mmCIF file of all heavy atoms, coordinates in Angstrom:
data_MODEL
# 
_entry.id   MODEL 
# 
loop_
_atom_site.group_PDB 
_atom_site.id 
_atom_site.type_symbol 
_atom_site.label_atom_id 
_atom_site.label_alt_id 
_atom_site.label_comp_id 
_atom_site.label_asym_id 
_atom_site.label_entity_id 
_atom_site.label_seq_id 
_atom_site.pdbx_PDB_ins_code 
_atom_site.Cartn_x 
_atom_site.Cartn_y 
_atom_site.Cartn_z 
_atom_site.occupancy 
_atom_site.B_iso_or_equiv 
_atom_site.pdbx_formal_charge 
_atom_site.auth_seq_id 
_atom_site.auth_comp_id 
_atom_site.auth_asym_id 
_atom_site.auth_atom_id 
_atom_site.pdbx_PDB_model_num 
ATOM 1   N N   . PHE A 1 1  ? 16.778 -9.527  -78.491 1.00 0.00 ? 1  PHE A N   1 
ATOM 2   C CA  . PHE A 1 1  ? 15.482 -10.104 -78.118 1.00 0.00 ? 1  PHE A CA  1 
ATOM 3   C C   . PHE A 1 1  ? 15.407 -10.304 -76.612 1.00 0.00 ? 1  PHE A C   1 
ATOM 4   O O   . PHE A 1 1  ? 16.396 -10.680 -75.973 1.00 0.00 ? 1  PHE A O   1 
ATOM 5   C CB  . PHE A 1 1  ? 15.304 -11.445 -78.847 1.00 0.00 ? 1  PHE A CB  1 
ATOM 6   C CG  . PHE A 1 1  ? 13.874 -11.875 -78.958 1.00 0.00 ? 1  PHE A CG  1 
ATOM 7   C CD1 . PHE A 1 1  ? 12.895 -10.985 -79.341 1.00 0.00 ? 1  PHE A CD1 1 
ATOM 8   C CD2 . PHE A 1 1  ? 13.509 -13.190 -78.682 1.00 0.00 ? 1  PHE A CD2 1 
ATOM 9   C CE1 . PHE A 1 1  ? 11.571 -11.384 -79.478 1.00 0.00 ? 1  PHE A CE1 1 
ATOM 10  C CE2 . PHE A 1 1  ? 12.192 -13.598 -78.810 1.00 0.00 ? 1  PHE A CE2 1 
ATOM 11  C CZ  . PHE A 1 1  ? 11.215 -12.687 -79.201 1.00 0.00 ? 1  PHE A CZ  1 
ATOM 12  N N   . PHE A 1 2  ? 14.256 -10.062 -76.047 1.00 0.00 ? 2  PHE A N   1 
ATOM 13  C CA  . PHE A 1 2  ? 13.968 -10.166 -74.604 1.00 0.00 ? 2  PHE A CA  1 
ATOM 14  C C   . PHE A 1 2  ? 14.680 -9.078  -73.807 1.00 0.00 ? 2  PHE A C   1 
ATOM 15  O O   . PHE A 1 2  ? 14.973 -9.265  -72.617 1.00 0.00 ? 2  PHE A O   1 
ATOM 16  C CB  . PHE A 1 2  ? 14.340 -11.532 -74.049 1.00 0.00 ? 2  PHE A CB  1 
ATOM 17  C CG  . PHE A 1 2  ? 13.534 -12.670 -74.610 1.00 0.00 ? 2  PHE A CG  1 
ATOM 18  C CD1 . PHE A 1 2  ? 14.128 -13.896 -74.889 1.00 0.00 ? 2  PHE A CD1 1 
ATOM 19  C CD2 . PHE A 1 2  ? 12.176 -12.527 -74.855 1.00 0.00 ? 2  PHE A CD2 1 
ATOM 20  C CE1 . PHE A 1 2  ? 13.383 -14.950 -75.406 1.00 0.00 ? 2  PHE A CE1 1 
ATOM 21  C CE2 . PHE A 1 2  ? 11.428 -13.578 -75.370 1.00 0.00 ? 2  PHE A CE2 1 
ATOM 22  C CZ  . PHE A 1 2  ? 12.033 -14.786 -75.642 1.00 0.00 ? 2  PHE A CZ  1 
ATOM 23  N N   . ALA A 1 3  ? 14.952 -7.948  -74.425 1.00 0.00 ? 3  ALA A N   1 
ATOM 24  C CA  . ALA A 1 3  ? 15.494 -6.822  -73.671 1.00 0.00 ? 3  ALA A CA  1 
ATOM 25  C C   . ALA A 1 3  ? 14.452 -6.327  -72.669 1.00 0.00 ? 3  ALA A C   1 
ATOM 26  O O   . ALA A 1 3  ? 13.267 -6.267  -72.987 1.00 0.00 ? 3  ALA A O   1 
ATOM 27  C CB  . ALA A 1 3  ? 15.884 -5.683  -74.612 1.00 0.00 ? 3  ALA A CB  1 
ATOM 28  N N   . PRO A 1 4  ? 14.860 -5.956  -71.437 1.00 0.00 ? 4  PRO A N   1 
ATOM 29  C CA  . PRO A 1 4  ? 13.879 -5.514  -70.444 1.00 0.00 ? 4  PRO A CA  1 
ATOM 30  C C   . PRO A 1 4  ? 13.331 -4.129  -70.717 1.00 0.00 ? 4  PRO A C   1 
ATOM 31  O O   . PRO A 1 4  ? 12.237 -3.787  -70.287 1.00 0.00 ? 4  PRO A O   1 
ATOM 32  C CB  . PRO A 1 4  ? 14.680 -5.548  -69.137 1.00 0.00 ? 4  PRO A CB  1 
ATOM 33  C CG  . PRO A 1 4  ? 16.093 -5.299  -69.576 1.00 0.00 ? 4  PRO A CG  1 
ATOM 34  C CD  . PRO A 1 4  ? 16.222 -5.991  -70.904 1.00 0.00 ? 4  PRO A CD  1 
ATOM 35  N N   . ARG A 1 5  ? 14.128 -3.311  -71.429 1.00 0.00 ? 5  ARG A N   1 
ATOM 36  C CA  . ARG A 1 5  ? 13.703 -1.949  -71.758 1.00 0.00 ? 5  ARG A CA  1 
ATOM 37  C C   . ARG A 1 5  ? 14.090 -1.645  -73.197 1.00 0.00 ? 5  ARG A C   1 
ATOM 38  O O   . ARG A 1 5  ? 14.983 -2.254  -73.761 1.00 0.00 ? 5  ARG A O   1 
ATOM 39  C CB  . ARG A 1 5  ? 14.351 -0.928  -70.815 1.00 0.00 ? 5  ARG A CB  1 
ATOM 40  C CG  . ARG A 1 5  ? 14.019 -1.127  -69.350 1.00 0.00 ? 5  ARG A CG  1 
ATOM 41  C CD  . ARG A 1 5  ? 14.453 0.086   -68.524 1.00 0.00 ? 5  ARG A CD  1 
ATOM 42  N NE  . ARG A 1 5  ? 15.903 0.298   -68.566 1.00 0.00 ? 5  ARG A NE  1 
ATOM 43  C CZ  . ARG A 1 5  ? 16.515 1.361   -68.043 1.00 0.00 ? 5  ARG A CZ  1 
ATOM 44  N NH1 . ARG A 1 5  ? 15.792 2.301   -67.459 1.00 0.00 ? 5  ARG A NH1 1 
ATOM 45  N NH2 . ARG A 1 5  ? 17.825 1.461   -68.092 1.00 0.00 ? 5  ARG A NH2 1 
ATOM 46  N N   . LYS A 1 6  ? 13.398 -0.652  -73.799 1.00 0.00 ? 6  LYS A N   1 
ATOM 47  C CA  . LYS A 1 6  ? 13.709 -0.215  -75.155 1.00 0.00 ? 6  LYS A CA  1 
ATOM 48  C C   . LYS A 1 6  ? 14.076 1.262   -75.137 1.00 0.00 ? 6  LYS A C   1 
ATOM 49  O O   . LYS A 1 6  ? 13.459 2.056   -74.414 1.00 0.00 ? 6  LYS A O   1 
ATOM 50  C CB  . LYS A 1 6  ? 12.519 -0.446  -76.084 1.00 0.00 ? 6  LYS A CB  1 
ATOM 51  C CG  . LYS A 1 6  ? 12.128 -1.916  -76.239 1.00 0.00 ? 6  LYS A CG  1 
ATOM 52  C CD  . LYS A 1 6  ? 13.242 -2.717  -76.878 1.00 0.00 ? 6  LYS A CD  1 
ATOM 53  C CE  . LYS A 1 6  ? 12.908 -4.181  -76.995 1.00 0.00 ? 6  LYS A CE  1 
ATOM 54  N NZ  . LYS A 1 6  ? 11.875 -4.474  -77.993 1.00 0.00 ? 6  LYS A NZ  1 
ATOM 55  N N   . TYR A 1 7  ? 15.076 1.612   -75.937 1.00 0.00 ? 7  TYR A N   1 
ATOM 56  C CA  . TYR A 1 7  ? 15.550 2.984   -76.018 1.00 0.00 ? 7  TYR A CA  1 
ATOM 57  C C   . TYR A 1 7  ? 14.844 3.703   -77.164 1.00 0.00 ? 7  TYR A C   1 
ATOM 58  O O   . TYR A 1 7  ? 14.695 3.157   -78.255 1.00 0.00 ? 7  TYR A O   1 
ATOM 59  C CB  . TYR A 1 7  ? 17.061 3.006   -76.238 1.00 0.00 ? 7  TYR A CB  1 
ATOM 60  C CG  . TYR A 1 7  ? 17.656 4.392   -76.322 1.00 0.00 ? 7  TYR A CG  1 
ATOM 61  C CD1 . TYR A 1 7  ? 18.043 5.070   -75.173 1.00 0.00 ? 7  TYR A CD1 1 
ATOM 62  C CD2 . TYR A 1 7  ? 17.806 5.025   -77.544 1.00 0.00 ? 7  TYR A CD2 1 
ATOM 63  C CE1 . TYR A 1 7  ? 18.596 6.345   -75.243 1.00 0.00 ? 7  TYR A CE1 1 
ATOM 64  C CE2 . TYR A 1 7  ? 18.341 6.299   -77.637 1.00 0.00 ? 7  TYR A CE2 1 
ATOM 65  C CZ  . TYR A 1 7  ? 18.738 6.963   -76.475 1.00 0.00 ? 7  TYR A CZ  1 
ATOM 66  O OH  . TYR A 1 7  ? 19.279 8.220   -76.551 1.00 0.00 ? 7  TYR A OH  1 
ATOM 67  N N   . PHE A 1 8  ? 14.412 4.949   -76.900 1.00 0.00 ? 8  PHE A N   1 
ATOM 68  C CA  . PHE A 1 8  ? 13.755 5.729   -77.958 1.00 0.00 ? 8  PHE A CA  1 
ATOM 69  C C   . PHE A 1 8  ? 13.886 7.213   -77.641 1.00 0.00 ? 8  PHE A C   1 
ATOM 70  O O   . PHE A 1 8  ? 13.429 7.670   -76.584 1.00 0.00 ? 8  PHE A O   1 
ATOM 71  C CB  . PHE A 1 8  ? 12.280 5.342   -78.084 1.00 0.00 ? 8  PHE A CB  1 
ATOM 72  C CG  . PHE A 1 8  ? 11.543 6.060   -79.175 1.00 0.00 ? 8  PHE A CG  1 
ATOM 73  C CD1 . PHE A 1 8  ? 11.897 5.887   -80.512 1.00 0.00 ? 8  PHE A CD1 1 
ATOM 74  C CD2 . PHE A 1 8  ? 10.524 6.933   -78.870 1.00 0.00 ? 8  PHE A CD2 1 
ATOM 75  C CE1 . PHE A 1 8  ? 11.221 6.547   -81.522 1.00 0.00 ? 8  PHE A CE1 1 
ATOM 76  C CE2 . PHE A 1 8  ? 9.840  7.615   -79.874 1.00 0.00 ? 8  PHE A CE2 1 
ATOM 77  C CZ  . PHE A 1 8  ? 10.182 7.413   -81.199 1.00 0.00 ? 8  PHE A CZ  1 
ATOM 78  N N   . LEU A 1 9  ? 14.535 7.946   -78.538 1.00 0.00 ? 9  LEU A N   1 
ATOM 79  C CA  . LEU A 1 9  ? 14.667 9.401   -78.439 1.00 0.00 ? 9  LEU A CA  1 
ATOM 80  C C   . LEU A 1 9  ? 15.182 9.854   -77.060 1.00 0.00 ? 9  LEU A C   1 
ATOM 81  O O   . LEU A 1 9  ? 14.619 10.734  -76.422 1.00 0.00 ? 9  LEU A O   1 
ATOM 82  C CB  . LEU A 1 9  ? 13.321 10.072  -78.743 1.00 0.00 ? 9  LEU A CB  1 
ATOM 83  C CG  . LEU A 1 9  ? 12.794 9.919   -80.177 1.00 0.00 ? 9  LEU A CG  1 
ATOM 84  C CD1 . LEU A 1 9  ? 11.462 10.627  -80.316 1.00 0.00 ? 9  LEU A CD1 1 
ATOM 85  C CD2 . LEU A 1 9  ? 13.798 10.489  -81.175 1.00 0.00 ? 9  LEU A CD2 1 
ATOM 86  N N   . GLY A 1 10 ? 16.265 9.206   -76.612 1.00 0.00 ? 10 GLY A N   1 
ATOM 87  C CA  . GLY A 1 10 ? 16.930 9.659   -75.409 1.00 0.00 ? 10 GLY A CA  1 
ATOM 88  C C   . GLY A 1 10 ? 16.424 9.094   -74.098 1.00 0.00 ? 10 GLY A C   1 
ATOM 89  O O   . GLY A 1 10 ? 16.944 9.448   -73.039 1.00 0.00 ? 10 GLY A O   1 
ATOM 90  N N   . SER A 1 11 ? 15.405 8.215   -74.140 1.00 0.00 ? 11 SER A N   1 
ATOM 91  C CA  . SER A 1 11 ? 14.867 7.653   -72.903 1.00 0.00 ? 11 SER A CA  1 
ATOM 92  C C   . SER A 1 11 ? 14.638 6.159   -73.061 1.00 0.00 ? 11 SER A C   1 
ATOM 93  O O   . SER A 1 11 ? 14.506 5.643   -74.183 1.00 0.00 ? 11 SER A O   1 
ATOM 94  C CB  . SER A 1 11 ? 13.550 8.338   -72.524 1.00 0.00 ? 11 SER A CB  1 
ATOM 95  O OG  . SER A 1 11 ? 13.726 9.727   -72.331 1.00 0.00 ? 11 SER A OG  1 
ATOM 96  N N   . TYR A 1 12 ? 14.591 5.472   -71.909 1.00 0.00 ? 12 TYR A N   1 
ATOM 97  C CA  . TYR A 1 12 ? 14.277 4.056   -71.891 1.00 0.00 ? 12 TYR A CA  1 
ATOM 98  C C   . TYR A 1 12 ? 12.814 3.851   -71.496 1.00 0.00 ? 12 TYR A C   1 
ATOM 99  O O   . TYR A 1 12 ? 12.295 4.567   -70.642 1.00 0.00 ? 12 TYR A O   1 
ATOM 100 C CB  . TYR A 1 12 ? 15.177 3.306   -70.905 1.00 0.00 ? 12 TYR A CB  1 
ATOM 101 C CG  . TYR A 1 12 ? 16.554 3.000   -71.440 1.00 0.00 ? 12 TYR A CG  1 
ATOM 102 C CD1 . TYR A 1 12 ? 17.640 3.815   -71.112 1.00 0.00 ? 12 TYR A CD1 1 
ATOM 103 C CD2 . TYR A 1 12 ? 16.779 1.901   -72.260 1.00 0.00 ? 12 TYR A CD2 1 
ATOM 104 C CE1 . TYR A 1 12 ? 18.910 3.546   -71.600 1.00 0.00 ? 12 TYR A CE1 1 
ATOM 105 C CE2 . TYR A 1 12 ? 18.050 1.619   -72.759 1.00 0.00 ? 12 TYR A CE2 1 
ATOM 106 C CZ  . TYR A 1 12 ? 19.106 2.440   -72.418 1.00 0.00 ? 12 TYR A CZ  1 
ATOM 107 O OH  . TYR A 1 12 ? 20.351 2.170   -72.910 1.00 0.00 ? 12 TYR A OH  1 
ATOM 108 N N   . TYR A 1 13 ? 12.167 2.859   -72.123 1.00 0.00 ? 13 TYR A N   1 
ATOM 109 C CA  . TYR A 1 13 ? 10.777 2.549   -71.852 1.00 0.00 ? 13 TYR A CA  1 
ATOM 110 C C   . TYR A 1 13 ? 10.631 1.041   -71.602 1.00 0.00 ? 13 TYR A C   1 
ATOM 111 O O   . TYR A 1 13 ? 11.317 0.238   -72.209 1.00 0.00 ? 13 TYR A O   1 
ATOM 112 C CB  . TYR A 1 13 ? 9.883  2.953   -73.025 1.00 0.00 ? 13 TYR A CB  1 
ATOM 113 C CG  . TYR A 1 13 ? 9.950  4.442   -73.338 1.00 0.00 ? 13 TYR A CG  1 
ATOM 114 C CD1 . TYR A 1 13 ? 10.881 4.929   -74.260 1.00 0.00 ? 13 TYR A CD1 1 
ATOM 115 C CD2 . TYR A 1 13 ? 9.096  5.339   -72.710 1.00 0.00 ? 13 TYR A CD2 1 
ATOM 116 C CE1 . TYR A 1 13 ? 10.951 6.281   -74.555 1.00 0.00 ? 13 TYR A CE1 1 
ATOM 117 C CE2 . TYR A 1 13 ? 9.161  6.698   -72.988 1.00 0.00 ? 13 TYR A CE2 1 
ATOM 118 C CZ  . TYR A 1 13 ? 10.082 7.170   -73.911 1.00 0.00 ? 13 TYR A CZ  1 
ATOM 119 O OH  . TYR A 1 13 ? 10.172 8.508   -74.194 1.00 0.00 ? 13 TYR A OH  1 
ATOM 120 N N   . ASP A 1 14 ? 9.705  0.711   -70.701 1.00 0.00 ? 14 ASP A N   1 
ATOM 121 C CA  . ASP A 1 14 ? 9.441  -0.688  -70.414 1.00 0.00 ? 14 ASP A CA  1 
ATOM 122 C C   . ASP A 1 14 ? 9.101  -1.436  -71.692 1.00 0.00 ? 14 ASP A C   1 
ATOM 123 O O   . ASP A 1 14 ? 8.342  -0.934  -72.539 1.00 0.00 ? 14 ASP A O   1 
ATOM 124 C CB  . ASP A 1 14 ? 8.264  -0.780  -69.430 1.00 0.00 ? 14 ASP A CB  1 
ATOM 125 C CG  . ASP A 1 14 ? 7.890  -2.213  -69.131 1.00 0.00 ? 14 ASP A CG  1 
ATOM 126 O OD1 . ASP A 1 14 ? 8.598  -2.851  -68.341 1.00 0.00 ? 14 ASP A OD1 1 
ATOM 127 O OD2 . ASP A 1 14 ? 6.889  -2.687  -69.696 1.00 0.00 ? 14 ASP A OD2 1 
ATOM 128 N N   . THR A 1 15 ? 9.659  -2.622  -71.862 1.00 0.00 ? 15 THR A N   1 
ATOM 129 C CA  . THR A 1 15 ? 9.498  -3.380  -73.105 1.00 0.00 ? 15 THR A CA  1 
ATOM 130 C C   . THR A 1 15 ? 8.028  -3.648  -73.433 1.00 0.00 ? 15 THR A C   1 
ATOM 131 O O   . THR A 1 15 ? 7.611  -3.498  -74.596 1.00 0.00 ? 15 THR A O   1 
ATOM 132 C CB  . THR A 1 15 ? 10.274 -4.706  -73.024 1.00 0.00 ? 15 THR A CB  1 
ATOM 133 O OG1 . THR A 1 15 ? 11.672 -4.428  -73.074 1.00 0.00 ? 15 THR A OG1 1 
ATOM 134 C CG2 . THR A 1 15 ? 9.924  -5.643  -74.181 1.00 0.00 ? 15 THR A CG2 1 
ATOM 135 N N   . TYR A 1 16 ? 7.257  -4.068  -72.453 1.00 0.00 ? 16 TYR A N   1 
ATOM 136 C CA  . TYR A 1 16 ? 5.853  -4.384  -72.729 1.00 0.00 ? 16 TYR A CA  1 
ATOM 137 C C   . TYR A 1 16 ? 5.114  -3.163  -73.276 1.00 0.00 ? 16 TYR A C   1 
ATOM 138 O O   . TYR A 1 16 ? 4.469  -3.233  -74.328 1.00 0.00 ? 16 TYR A O   1 
ATOM 139 C CB  . TYR A 1 16 ? 5.167  -4.874  -71.456 1.00 0.00 ? 16 TYR A CB  1 
ATOM 140 C CG  . TYR A 1 16 ? 3.701  -5.215  -71.672 1.00 0.00 ? 16 TYR A CG  1 
ATOM 141 C CD1 . TYR A 1 16 ? 3.330  -6.483  -72.118 1.00 0.00 ? 16 TYR A CD1 1 
ATOM 142 C CD2 . TYR A 1 16 ? 2.706  -4.278  -71.441 1.00 0.00 ? 16 TYR A CD2 1 
ATOM 143 C CE1 . TYR A 1 16 ? 1.990  -6.796  -72.335 1.00 0.00 ? 16 TYR A CE1 1 
ATOM 144 C CE2 . TYR A 1 16 ? 1.375  -4.572  -71.651 1.00 0.00 ? 16 TYR A CE2 1 
ATOM 145 C CZ  . TYR A 1 16 ? 1.027  -5.831  -72.099 1.00 0.00 ? 16 TYR A CZ  1 
ATOM 146 O OH  . TYR A 1 16 ? -0.297 -6.127  -72.324 1.00 0.00 ? 16 TYR A OH  1 
ATOM 147 N N   . ASN A 1 17 ? 5.241  -2.017  -72.602 1.00 0.00 ? 17 ASN A N   1 
ATOM 148 C CA  . ASN A 1 17 ? 4.536  -0.816  -73.048 1.00 0.00 ? 17 ASN A CA  1 
ATOM 149 C C   . ASN A 1 17 ? 5.033  -0.353  -74.417 1.00 0.00 ? 17 ASN A C   1 
ATOM 150 O O   . ASN A 1 17 ? 4.237  0.054   -75.274 1.00 0.00 ? 17 ASN A O   1 
ATOM 151 C CB  . ASN A 1 17 ? 4.724  0.315   -72.025 1.00 0.00 ? 17 ASN A CB  1 
ATOM 152 C CG  . ASN A 1 17 ? 4.096  -0.015  -70.685 1.00 0.00 ? 17 ASN A CG  1 
ATOM 153 O OD1 . ASN A 1 17 ? 3.123  -0.752  -70.610 1.00 0.00 ? 17 ASN A OD1 1 
ATOM 154 N ND2 . ASN A 1 17 ? 4.662  0.513   -69.618 1.00 0.00 ? 17 ASN A ND2 1 
ATOM 155 N N   . PHE A 1 18 ? 6.349  -0.410  -74.620 1.00 0.00 ? 18 PHE A N   1 
ATOM 156 C CA  . PHE A 1 18 ? 6.906  0.046   -75.894 1.00 0.00 ? 18 PHE A CA  1 
ATOM 157 C C   . PHE A 1 18 ? 6.453  -0.869  -77.039 1.00 0.00 ? 18 PHE A C   1 
ATOM 158 O O   . PHE A 1 18 ? 6.049  -0.393  -78.109 1.00 0.00 ? 18 PHE A O   1 
ATOM 159 C CB  . PHE A 1 18 ? 8.432  0.081   -75.829 1.00 0.00 ? 18 PHE A CB  1 
ATOM 160 C CG  . PHE A 1 18 ? 9.072  0.637   -77.064 1.00 0.00 ? 18 PHE A CG  1 
ATOM 161 C CD1 . PHE A 1 18 ? 9.292  1.995   -77.195 1.00 0.00 ? 18 PHE A CD1 1 
ATOM 162 C CD2 . PHE A 1 18 ? 9.429  -0.198  -78.120 1.00 0.00 ? 18 PHE A CD2 1 
ATOM 163 C CE1 . PHE A 1 18 ? 9.870  2.510   -78.350 1.00 0.00 ? 18 PHE A CE1 1 
ATOM 164 C CE2 . PHE A 1 18 ? 10.011 0.303   -79.276 1.00 0.00 ? 18 PHE A CE2 1 
ATOM 165 C CZ  . PHE A 1 18 ? 10.235 1.660   -79.387 1.00 0.00 ? 18 PHE A CZ  1 
ATOM 166 N N   . ASN A 1 19 ? 6.519  -2.185  -76.820 1.00 0.00 ? 19 ASN A N   1 
ATOM 167 C CA  . ASN A 1 19 ? 6.176  -3.118  -77.889 1.00 0.00 ? 19 ASN A CA  1 
ATOM 168 C C   . ASN A 1 19 ? 4.704  -3.026  -78.273 1.00 0.00 ? 19 ASN A C   1 
ATOM 169 O O   . ASN A 1 19 ? 4.364  -3.061  -79.464 1.00 0.00 ? 19 ASN A O   1 
ATOM 170 C CB  . ASN A 1 19 ? 6.505  -4.556  -77.452 1.00 0.00 ? 19 ASN A CB  1 
ATOM 171 C CG  . ASN A 1 19 ? 7.998  -4.841  -77.534 1.00 0.00 ? 19 ASN A CG  1 
ATOM 172 O OD1 . ASN A 1 19 ? 8.799  -3.922  -77.526 1.00 0.00 ? 19 ASN A OD1 1 
ATOM 173 N ND2 . ASN A 1 19 ? 8.344  -6.092  -77.595 1.00 0.00 ? 19 ASN A ND2 1 
ATOM 174 N N   . ILE A 1 20 ? 3.813  -2.932  -77.286 1.00 0.00 ? 20 ILE A N   1 
ATOM 175 C CA  . ILE A 1 20 ? 2.392  -2.811  -77.598 1.00 0.00 ? 20 ILE A CA  1 
ATOM 176 C C   . ILE A 1 20 ? 2.139  -1.515  -78.353 1.00 0.00 ? 20 ILE A C   1 
ATOM 177 O O   . ILE A 1 20 ? 1.358  -1.481  -79.328 1.00 0.00 ? 20 ILE A O   1 
ATOM 178 C CB  . ILE A 1 20 ? 1.558  -2.864  -76.314 1.00 0.00 ? 20 ILE A CB  1 
ATOM 179 C CG1 . ILE A 1 20 ? 1.735  -4.224  -75.617 1.00 0.00 ? 20 ILE A CG1 1 
ATOM 180 C CG2 . ILE A 1 20 ? 0.072  -2.631  -76.639 1.00 0.00 ? 20 ILE A CG2 1 
ATOM 181 C CD1 . ILE A 1 20 ? 1.339  -5.421  -76.448 1.00 0.00 ? 20 ILE A CD1 1 
ATOM 182 N N   . SER A 1 21 ? 2.799  -0.420  -77.951 1.00 0.00 ? 21 SER A N   1 
ATOM 183 C CA  . SER A 1 21 ? 2.644  0.859   -78.673 1.00 0.00 ? 21 SER A CA  1 
ATOM 184 C C   . SER A 1 21 ? 3.139  0.740   -80.104 1.00 0.00 ? 21 SER A C   1 
ATOM 185 O O   . SER A 1 21 ? 2.540  1.308   -81.030 1.00 0.00 ? 21 SER A O   1 
ATOM 186 C CB  . SER A 1 21 ? 3.416  1.962   -77.942 1.00 0.00 ? 21 SER A CB  1 
ATOM 187 O OG  . SER A 1 21 ? 2.928  2.134   -76.623 1.00 0.00 ? 21 SER A OG  1 
ATOM 188 N N   . PHE A 1 22 ? 4.221  -0.013  -80.305 1.00 0.00 ? 22 PHE A N   1 
ATOM 189 C CA  . PHE A 1 22 ? 4.759  -0.156  -81.657 1.00 0.00 ? 22 PHE A CA  1 
ATOM 190 C C   . PHE A 1 22 ? 3.808  -0.955  -82.544 1.00 0.00 ? 22 PHE A C   1 
ATOM 191 O O   . PHE A 1 22 ? 3.698  -0.688  -83.744 1.00 0.00 ? 22 PHE A O   1 
ATOM 192 C CB  . PHE A 1 22 ? 6.125  -0.843  -81.609 1.00 0.00 ? 22 PHE A CB  1 
ATOM 193 C CG  . PHE A 1 22 ? 6.893  -0.719  -82.901 1.00 0.00 ? 22 PHE A CG  1 
ATOM 194 C CD1 . PHE A 1 22 ? 7.637  0.418   -83.172 1.00 0.00 ? 22 PHE A CD1 1 
ATOM 195 C CD2 . PHE A 1 22 ? 6.844  -1.725  -83.853 1.00 0.00 ? 22 PHE A CD2 1 
ATOM 196 C CE1 . PHE A 1 22 ? 8.340  0.533   -84.369 1.00 0.00 ? 22 PHE A CE1 1 
ATOM 197 C CE2 . PHE A 1 22 ? 7.527  -1.612  -85.058 1.00 0.00 ? 22 PHE A CE2 1 
ATOM 198 C CZ  . PHE A 1 22 ? 8.280  -0.472  -85.313 1.00 0.00 ? 22 PHE A CZ  1 
ATOM 199 N N   . ILE A 1 23 ? 3.115  -1.945  -81.968 1.00 0.00 ? 23 ILE A N   1 
ATOM 200 C CA  . ILE A 1 23 ? 2.123  -2.702  -82.744 1.00 0.00 ? 23 ILE A CA  1 
ATOM 201 C C   . ILE A 1 23 ? 1.012  -1.765  -83.232 1.00 0.00 ? 23 ILE A C   1 
ATOM 202 O O   . ILE A 1 23 ? 0.566  -1.853  -84.371 1.00 0.00 ? 23 ILE A O   1 
ATOM 203 C CB  . ILE A 1 23 ? 1.543  -3.849  -81.908 1.00 0.00 ? 23 ILE A CB  1 
ATOM 204 C CG1 . ILE A 1 23 ? 2.617  -4.892  -81.617 1.00 0.00 ? 23 ILE A CG1 1 
ATOM 205 C CG2 . ILE A 1 23 ? 0.363  -4.504  -82.633 1.00 0.00 ? 23 ILE A CG2 1 
ATOM 206 C CD1 . ILE A 1 23 ? 2.160  -5.992  -80.681 1.00 0.00 ? 23 ILE A CD1 1 
ATOM 207 N N   . TRP A 1 24 ? 0.585  -0.837  -82.369 1.00 0.00 ? 24 TRP A N   1 
ATOM 208 C CA  . TRP A 1 24 ? -0.455 0.115   -82.786 1.00 0.00 ? 24 TRP A CA  1 
ATOM 209 C C   . TRP A 1 24 ? 0.081  1.092   -83.816 1.00 0.00 ? 24 TRP A C   1 
ATOM 210 O O   . TRP A 1 24 ? -0.669 1.550   -84.701 1.00 0.00 ? 24 TRP A O   1 
ATOM 211 C CB  . TRP A 1 24 ? -1.003 0.844   -81.563 1.00 0.00 ? 24 TRP A CB  1 
ATOM 212 C CG  . TRP A 1 24 ? -1.932 -0.031  -80.782 1.00 0.00 ? 24 TRP A CG  1 
ATOM 213 C CD1 . TRP A 1 24 ? -1.642 -0.785  -79.677 1.00 0.00 ? 24 TRP A CD1 1 
ATOM 214 C CD2 . TRP A 1 24 ? -3.318 -0.300  -81.069 1.00 0.00 ? 24 TRP A CD2 1 
ATOM 215 N NE1 . TRP A 1 24 ? -2.749 -1.490  -79.270 1.00 0.00 ? 24 TRP A NE1 1 
ATOM 216 C CE2 . TRP A 1 24 ? -3.789 -1.209  -80.085 1.00 0.00 ? 24 TRP A CE2 1 
ATOM 217 C CE3 . TRP A 1 24 ? -4.190 0.155   -82.045 1.00 0.00 ? 24 TRP A CE3 1 
ATOM 218 C CZ2 . TRP A 1 24 ? -5.104 -1.679  -80.065 1.00 0.00 ? 24 TRP A CZ2 1 
ATOM 219 C CZ3 . TRP A 1 24 ? -5.513 -0.299  -82.041 1.00 0.00 ? 24 TRP A CZ3 1 
ATOM 220 C CH2 . TRP A 1 24 ? -5.947 -1.197  -81.062 1.00 0.00 ? 24 TRP A CH2 1 
# 
């Protein structure tokens, strides 16, 4: 929890952008 970045398919993404995309 509160990780600054999220890993997905070989790349890191900013947590805010990744989390909002996951909600959609």
